C-alpha cells in the first residue's frame, strides 16, 4: 500500500465514555454544536493487524477492494457540530450521512470497521445508499439514468483544510470510462463550515463526461422542491421521511444546484438526480436527522432549514 506522511488533523475526543443526547434546551444545544470545530478524517492501515493512522493525502491502490477495512469506514469523513458525512473512496464514490447525537468530533473515534451501523452515544450511519448516488454523490449518466461510476482506476484524496471554523478536501479521479467510450476524470473540492450542515462541492472535469449528482429516494419519503420560477440562482430538490433514516426515524436530505449549470432530471435508479451541462460546476448538499443537534423534528422544520440555507447560498459571495 502506498503510504503518506502522518499528520494530526485536529484535536479530537476519544469518545470512550458515553456522550449525552441533546438536552431539552434545543436552542442551547444547537448553538453549542454550531460553534464546535470542523474535522476532516482520513485514516488508513497497512494490514488487518495494524492500527489506523491519519494521513493528509492518499492514493487508492489498485489492490483495494470494497469491504477490506483499509479505511475505518471505507473513505474520507468530514463533520462539524451538527452532522457528519463520508465519501466512499472506491468505484462507488458517493456520499453517505453520519447522524450525530453530540456536537463534538466523533468520526476519528471510529476504529472498528462496520461498528457505525449501530446506534451509539455519538450517533450512527443513518443512510442506506445502495446503488443510488447517496447524498450529493457524483455519478455518470448512462442513457437517461444516473449510475455510480463502478470503476475509478485513478483515485486520490487530499485534505486541504484540516478543521477549526472550516474544513476542506480535494478528490482527484481519472481513467473513468463514459458510456460512449470516452476516458476522463475530474477534480472535486469539498468544503464545510462550522455553523451549517451544508457541504459545498466545486467540480471540474477533464473531458466532457456526462456527470450527474442526486439524492437517494426511500419508500415513504416525500419529495420537496424549490419553485422553478423562483427568483435567484439556486434551486433545490430534497426529501423528508419520518422513518427515512436507518434508525427508522426522521431524516431530511437536500441537494442544491445552480439553475444555469444543471437541470433536474426526475427519479431514476432510486435517485432524484440533476445532470450538469458543462465541465465546470458547483452544487451543495445537506442532511438533518431527528436526533442530531439541529433541532429538525418534522417536515416543517426541515422546510424552514431549506429556506434558510437557500437564502444563505443566494447571499454568498459568488
Protein backbone atom coordinates (compact mmCIF):
# COMPACT_ATOMS: atom_id res chain seq x y z
CA UNK A 1 0.00 0.00 0.00
CA UNK A 2 1.21 3.49 -0.77
CA UNK A 3 1.70 5.40 2.49
CA UNK A 4 1.53 9.12 3.14
CA UNK A 5 3.10 11.29 5.80
CA UNK A 6 1.28 11.31 9.09
CA UNK A 7 -0.37 14.41 10.47
CA UNK A 8 -2.54 15.45 13.33
CA UNK A 9 -5.74 16.63 11.71
CA UNK A 10 -7.44 18.19 14.70
CA UNK A 11 -7.64 17.62 18.41
CA UNK A 12 -10.39 15.01 18.70
CA UNK A 13 -12.19 13.49 21.64
CA UNK A 14 -11.66 9.76 22.01
CA UNK A 15 -15.33 9.44 22.93
CA UNK A 16 -14.50 6.48 25.11
CA UNK A 17 -17.25 7.44 27.53
CA UNK A 18 -20.89 7.90 26.76
CA UNK A 19 -21.98 11.23 25.31
CA UNK A 20 -25.21 12.79 26.45
CA UNK A 21 -28.03 13.20 23.95
CA UNK A 22 -29.06 16.79 23.14
CA UNK A 23 -30.63 18.44 26.16
CA UNK A 24 -34.15 19.74 26.41
CA UNK A 25 -32.79 23.19 25.65
CA UNK A 26 -32.71 22.72 21.89
CA UNK A 27 -31.56 26.23 21.10
CA UNK A 28 -28.63 25.94 23.52
CA UNK A 29 -27.60 22.53 22.19
CA UNK A 30 -27.78 23.74 18.61
CA UNK A 31 -25.74 26.86 19.43
CA UNK A 32 -23.05 24.81 21.13
CA UNK A 33 -22.94 22.30 18.27
CA UNK A 34 -22.75 25.04 15.65
CA UNK A 35 -19.70 26.50 17.38
CA UNK A 36 -17.87 23.17 17.54
CA UNK A 37 -14.78 22.64 15.42
CA UNK A 38 -14.90 21.15 11.96
CA UNK A 39 -12.90 17.97 11.45
CA UNK A 40 -11.77 16.11 8.33
CA UNK A 41 -10.77 12.50 8.91
CA UNK A 42 -8.70 10.34 6.54
CA UNK A 43 -7.08 7.25 8.01
CA UNK A 44 -5.60 4.09 6.51
CA UNK A 45 -3.85 0.96 7.74
CA UNK A 46 -1.24 -1.34 6.31
CA UNK A 47 -2.94 -4.60 7.28
CA UNK A 48 -5.74 -6.07 9.37
CA UNK A 49 -3.34 -6.27 12.31
CA UNK A 50 -2.14 -2.65 12.20
CA UNK A 51 -3.78 0.46 13.62
CA UNK A 52 -5.34 3.19 11.52
CA UNK A 53 -3.09 6.20 11.01
CA UNK A 54 -4.14 9.70 9.95
CA UNK A 55 -2.79 10.93 6.63
CA UNK A 56 -3.23 14.19 4.77
CA UNK A 57 -3.27 12.60 1.31
CA UNK A 58 -3.74 9.13 -0.05
CA UNK A 59 -3.79 7.45 -3.44
CA UNK A 60 -6.06 4.43 -3.54
CA UNK A 61 -4.02 1.37 -4.58
CA UNK A 62 -5.25 -0.98 -7.28
CA UNK A 63 -5.38 -3.75 -4.67
CA UNK A 64 -8.12 -2.01 -2.65
CA UNK A 65 -11.43 -3.88 -2.52
CA UNK A 66 -14.76 -2.81 -1.06
CA UNK A 67 -15.06 -4.09 2.49
CA UNK A 68 -11.37 -4.86 3.03
CA UNK A 69 -11.12 -2.48 6.00
CA UNK A 70 -8.26 -0.43 4.54
CA UNK A 71 -10.08 2.66 5.85
CA UNK A 72 -12.24 2.52 9.02
CA UNK A 73 -15.43 3.48 7.18
CA UNK A 74 -14.34 2.95 3.58
CA UNK A 75 -13.38 6.51 2.78
CA UNK A 76 -12.85 10.08 3.92
CA UNK A 77 -15.10 11.69 6.53
CA UNK A 78 -15.91 15.27 7.45
CA UNK A 79 -18.07 16.77 10.16
CA UNK A 80 -19.00 19.76 12.24
CA UNK A 81 -21.07 20.04 15.40
CA UNK A 82 -24.30 19.36 13.50
CA UNK A 83 -23.70 16.47 11.11
CA UNK A 84 -21.09 14.18 9.58
CA UNK A 85 -20.58 12.76 6.10
CA UNK A 86 -18.30 10.25 4.40
CA UNK A 87 -17.29 9.68 0.80
CA UNK A 88 -16.58 6.12 -0.34
CA UNK A 89 -13.10 6.03 -1.86
CA UNK A 90 -13.74 3.29 -4.40
CA UNK A 91 -15.79 2.73 -7.54
CA UNK A 92 -18.94 3.91 -5.77
CA UNK A 93 -17.51 7.36 -4.96
CA UNK A 94 -20.79 8.59 -3.44
CA UNK A 95 -21.51 10.27 -0.11
CA UNK A 96 -23.24 8.93 2.99
CA UNK A 97 -24.53 10.52 6.22
CA UNK A 98 -23.28 10.10 9.77
CA UNK A 99 -26.05 11.36 12.04
CA UNK A 100 -24.64 12.77 15.28
CA UNK A 101 -26.08 12.99 18.77
CA UNK A 102 -23.14 15.03 20.02
CA UNK A 103 -21.64 18.33 18.92
CA UNK A 104 -18.12 17.04 19.48
CA UNK A 105 -15.98 15.49 16.71
CA UNK A 106 -16.71 11.78 16.52
CA UNK A 107 -15.54 10.23 13.25
CA UNK A 108 -11.90 9.79 14.23
CA UNK A 109 -13.13 7.74 17.18
CA UNK A 110 -14.46 5.06 14.81
CA UNK A 111 -11.82 2.35 14.92
CA UNK A 112 -13.84 -0.81 14.44
CA UNK A 113 -14.84 -1.38 10.82
CA UNK A 114 -18.63 -1.60 10.48
CA UNK A 115 -19.41 -0.53 14.06
CA UNK A 116 -21.02 2.69 12.85
CA UNK A 117 -24.13 0.82 11.65
CA UNK A 118 -25.38 0.53 15.24
CA UNK A 119 -26.71 3.47 17.25
CA UNK A 120 -24.02 4.68 19.63
CA UNK A 121 -23.88 7.62 22.05
CA UNK A 122 -22.16 9.71 19.35
CA UNK A 123 -24.63 8.70 16.57
CA UNK A 124 -24.55 6.31 13.60
CA UNK A 125 -24.61 5.86 9.83
CA UNK A 126 -28.20 6.89 9.08
CA UNK A 127 -28.43 6.47 5.30
CA UNK A 128 -28.85 3.41 3.11
CA UNK A 129 -27.13 4.24 -0.18
CA UNK A 130 -27.44 1.03 -2.22
CA UNK A 131 -26.88 1.54 -5.97
CA UNK A 132 -28.01 5.19 -5.82
CA UNK A 133 -25.90 8.36 -5.73
CA UNK A 134 -26.41 8.59 -1.96
CA UNK A 135 -26.48 12.23 -0.92
CA UNK A 136 -24.67 14.52 -3.35
CA UNK A 137 -22.63 11.69 -4.81
CA UNK A 138 -21.09 12.14 -8.23
CA UNK A 139 -22.04 9.63 -10.89
CA UNK A 140 -22.29 9.22 -14.63
CA UNK A 141 -25.30 9.35 -16.91
CA UNK A 142 -25.95 6.09 -18.74
CA UNK A 143 -28.71 6.81 -21.18
CA UNK A 144 -31.39 8.58 -19.18
CA UNK A 145 -30.42 7.36 -15.72
CA UNK A 146 -27.59 8.16 -13.28
CA UNK A 147 -25.26 5.40 -12.13
CA UNK A 148 -22.29 5.05 -9.84
CA UNK A 149 -19.02 5.08 -11.75
CA UNK A 150 -18.37 1.45 -10.91
CA UNK A 151 -14.68 1.74 -11.66
CA UNK A 152 -12.34 4.63 -10.90
CA UNK A 153 -8.86 3.38 -11.81
CA UNK A 154 -7.10 6.55 -10.63
CA UNK A 155 -8.36 7.95 -7.34
CA UNK A 156 -6.81 10.07 -4.61
CA UNK A 157 -7.87 12.30 -1.73
CA UNK A 158 -6.06 15.25 -0.15
CA UNK A 159 -7.06 17.21 2.94
CA UNK A 160 -6.65 20.92 2.16
CA UNK A 161 -8.21 22.38 5.31
CA UNK A 162 -7.90 20.37 8.49
CA UNK A 163 -10.55 21.99 10.65
CA UNK A 164 -11.40 24.78 13.04
CA UNK A 165 -14.02 27.07 11.53
CA UNK A 166 -13.96 25.24 8.20
CA UNK A 167 -12.63 22.09 6.57
CA UNK A 168 -11.96 21.03 3.00
CA UNK A 169 -10.53 18.29 0.85
CA UNK A 170 -10.00 17.50 -2.83
CA UNK A 171 -10.83 14.32 -4.72
CA UNK A 172 -8.98 13.63 -7.96
CA UNK A 173 -10.34 10.89 -10.22
CA UNK A 174 -9.19 9.61 -13.59
CA UNK A 175 -9.41 6.72 -16.03
CA UNK A 176 -13.23 6.77 -15.93
CA UNK A 177 -14.91 5.31 -18.99
CA UNK A 178 -18.07 7.04 -20.16
CA UNK A 179 -20.88 5.09 -21.87
CA UNK A 180 -19.72 6.44 -25.22
CA UNK A 181 -16.20 5.10 -24.71
CA UNK A 182 -14.52 8.38 -23.73
CA UNK A 183 -11.97 8.23 -20.93
CA UNK A 184 -11.87 11.14 -18.48
CA UNK A 185 -11.83 12.30 -14.91
CA UNK A 186 -12.39 15.24 -12.62
CA UNK A 187 -11.29 17.13 -9.55
CA UNK A 188 -13.86 17.91 -6.85
CA UNK A 189 -13.29 20.32 -3.98
CA UNK A 190 -15.46 19.70 -0.89
CA UNK A 191 -15.87 22.20 1.95
CA UNK A 192 -17.94 22.63 5.10
CA UNK A 193 -18.17 25.38 7.73
CA UNK A 194 -18.82 25.18 11.46
CA UNK A 195 -22.31 26.66 11.62
CA UNK A 196 -24.23 24.90 8.85
CA UNK A 197 -24.93 21.31 7.75
CA UNK A 198 -24.21 22.35 4.15
CA UNK A 199 -21.35 20.80 2.19
CA UNK A 200 -20.35 22.70 -0.96
CA UNK A 201 -18.71 20.94 -3.92
CA UNK A 202 -16.89 22.52 -6.87
CA UNK A 203 -16.13 20.21 -9.79
CA UNK A 204 -14.04 20.46 -12.93
CA UNK A 205 -13.97 17.58 -15.41
CA UNK A 206 -11.04 16.81 -17.68
CA UNK A 207 -13.28 15.73 -20.58
CA UNK A 208 -16.96 16.06 -21.40
CA UNK A 209 -18.05 13.29 -19.05
CA UNK A 210 -21.86 13.22 -18.66
CA UNK A 211 -21.77 13.79 -14.90
CA UNK A 212 -24.72 13.87 -12.50
CA UNK A 213 -25.44 14.08 -8.80
CA UNK A 214 -28.51 13.39 -6.71
CA UNK A 215 -30.11 12.09 -3.52
CA UNK A 216 -31.44 8.61 -2.85
CA UNK A 217 -35.23 8.18 -2.65
CA UNK A 218 -36.58 5.84 0.01
CA UNK A 219 -40.06 4.37 0.35
CA UNK A 220 -42.36 6.67 2.28
CA UNK A 221 -40.25 9.79 1.80
CA UNK A 222 -41.76 12.98 0.39
CA UNK A 223 -40.17 14.89 -2.48
CA UNK A 224 -39.67 18.61 -1.84
CA UNK A 225 -38.58 21.11 -4.50
CA UNK A 226 -37.95 24.82 -4.75
CA UNK A 227 -40.18 26.73 -7.14
CA UNK A 228 -38.81 26.55 -10.68
CA UNK A 229 -39.88 30.12 -11.35
CA UNK A 230 -38.40 31.49 -8.12
CA UNK A 231 -36.04 34.43 -8.28
CA UNK A 232 -32.39 33.63 -7.69
CA UNK A 233 -29.65 31.43 -9.00
CA UNK A 234 -30.03 28.36 -6.78
CA UNK A 235 -32.63 25.58 -6.75
CA UNK A 236 -33.07 22.54 -4.57
CA UNK A 237 -34.50 19.04 -4.66
CA UNK A 238 -34.99 17.39 -1.27
CA UNK A 239 -36.75 14.59 0.59
CA UNK A 240 -38.17 14.23 4.08
CA UNK A 241 -39.27 10.97 5.67
CA UNK A 242 -40.45 10.36 9.24
CA UNK A 243 -38.81 6.91 9.08
CA UNK A 244 -36.26 7.52 6.33
CA UNK A 245 -33.16 7.02 8.45
CA UNK A 246 -31.54 3.65 9.13
CA UNK A 247 -32.70 4.17 12.72
CA UNK A 248 -36.29 4.37 11.40
CA UNK A 249 -36.77 7.98 12.45
CA UNK A 250 -36.89 11.38 10.78
CA UNK A 251 -34.29 12.27 8.14
CA UNK A 252 -34.17 15.05 5.58
CA UNK A 253 -31.77 15.35 2.64
CA UNK A 254 -31.34 18.16 0.14
CA UNK A 255 -29.35 18.86 -2.99
CA UNK A 256 -28.78 22.47 -4.11
CA UNK A 257 -27.70 23.32 -7.66
CA UNK A 258 -27.25 26.38 -9.83
CA UNK A 259 -30.10 26.76 -12.30
CA UNK A 260 -27.78 27.76 -15.13
CA UNK A 261 -25.43 24.80 -14.65
CA UNK A 262 -27.76 21.85 -14.17
CA UNK A 263 -31.32 20.64 -14.57
CA UNK A 264 -33.45 18.30 -12.51
CA UNK A 265 -33.97 15.02 -14.35
CA UNK A 266 -36.54 13.25 -12.18
CA UNK A 267 -36.32 9.90 -10.40
CA UNK A 268 -34.21 7.07 -11.84
CA UNK A 269 -32.14 4.31 -10.26
CA UNK A 270 -33.63 5.23 -6.85
CA UNK A 271 -32.13 8.71 -7.23
CA UNK A 272 -33.63 12.15 -7.66
CA UNK A 273 -30.91 13.50 -9.91
CA UNK A 274 -29.67 16.58 -11.65
CA UNK A 275 -27.36 16.44 -14.67
CA UNK A 276 -24.80 19.11 -15.49
CA UNK A 277 -24.49 20.91 -18.80
CA UNK A 278 -20.80 21.85 -18.66
CA UNK A 279 -17.49 20.54 -17.40
CA UNK A 280 -17.21 23.05 -14.55
CA UNK A 281 -19.93 23.44 -11.94
CA UNK A 282 -20.79 23.56 -8.26
CA UNK A 283 -23.51 22.23 -6.04
CA UNK A 284 -24.20 21.64 -2.35
CA UNK A 285 -25.98 19.17 -0.11
CA UNK A 286 -27.15 18.84 3.48
CA UNK A 287 -28.79 16.41 5.88
CA UNK A 288 -30.78 16.81 9.08
CA UNK A 289 -31.53 13.86 11.38
CA UNK A 290 -34.23 13.88 14.05
CA UNK A 291 -31.74 13.04 16.81
CA UNK A 292 -28.97 15.45 15.84
CA UNK A 293 -28.33 18.87 17.46
CA UNK A 294 -30.02 20.82 14.63
CA UNK A 295 -33.46 20.52 16.21
CA UNK A 296 -35.22 19.43 12.99
CA UNK A 297 -38.09 17.27 14.23
CA UNK A 298 -40.59 17.47 11.38
CA UNK A 299 -41.19 18.18 7.72
CA UNK A 300 -42.00 21.82 8.54
CA UNK A 301 -38.76 22.20 10.48
CA UNK A 302 -36.86 20.78 7.53
CA UNK A 303 -38.54 23.11 5.02
CA UNK A 304 -37.58 26.05 7.24
CA UNK A 305 -33.96 24.83 7.17
CA UNK A 306 -34.06 24.53 3.37
CA UNK A 307 -35.33 28.08 3.01
CA UNK A 308 -32.64 29.36 5.37
CA UNK A 309 -29.82 27.61 3.52
CA UNK A 310 -31.19 28.64 0.12
CA UNK A 311 -31.15 32.29 1.18
CA UNK A 312 -27.61 31.86 2.52
CA UNK A 313 -26.43 30.42 -0.82
CA UNK A 314 -28.07 33.26 -2.72
CA UNK A 315 -26.41 35.79 -0.46
CA UNK A 316 -22.95 34.23 -0.51
CA UNK A 317 -20.12 35.78 -2.47
CA UNK A 318 -20.07 34.12 -5.89
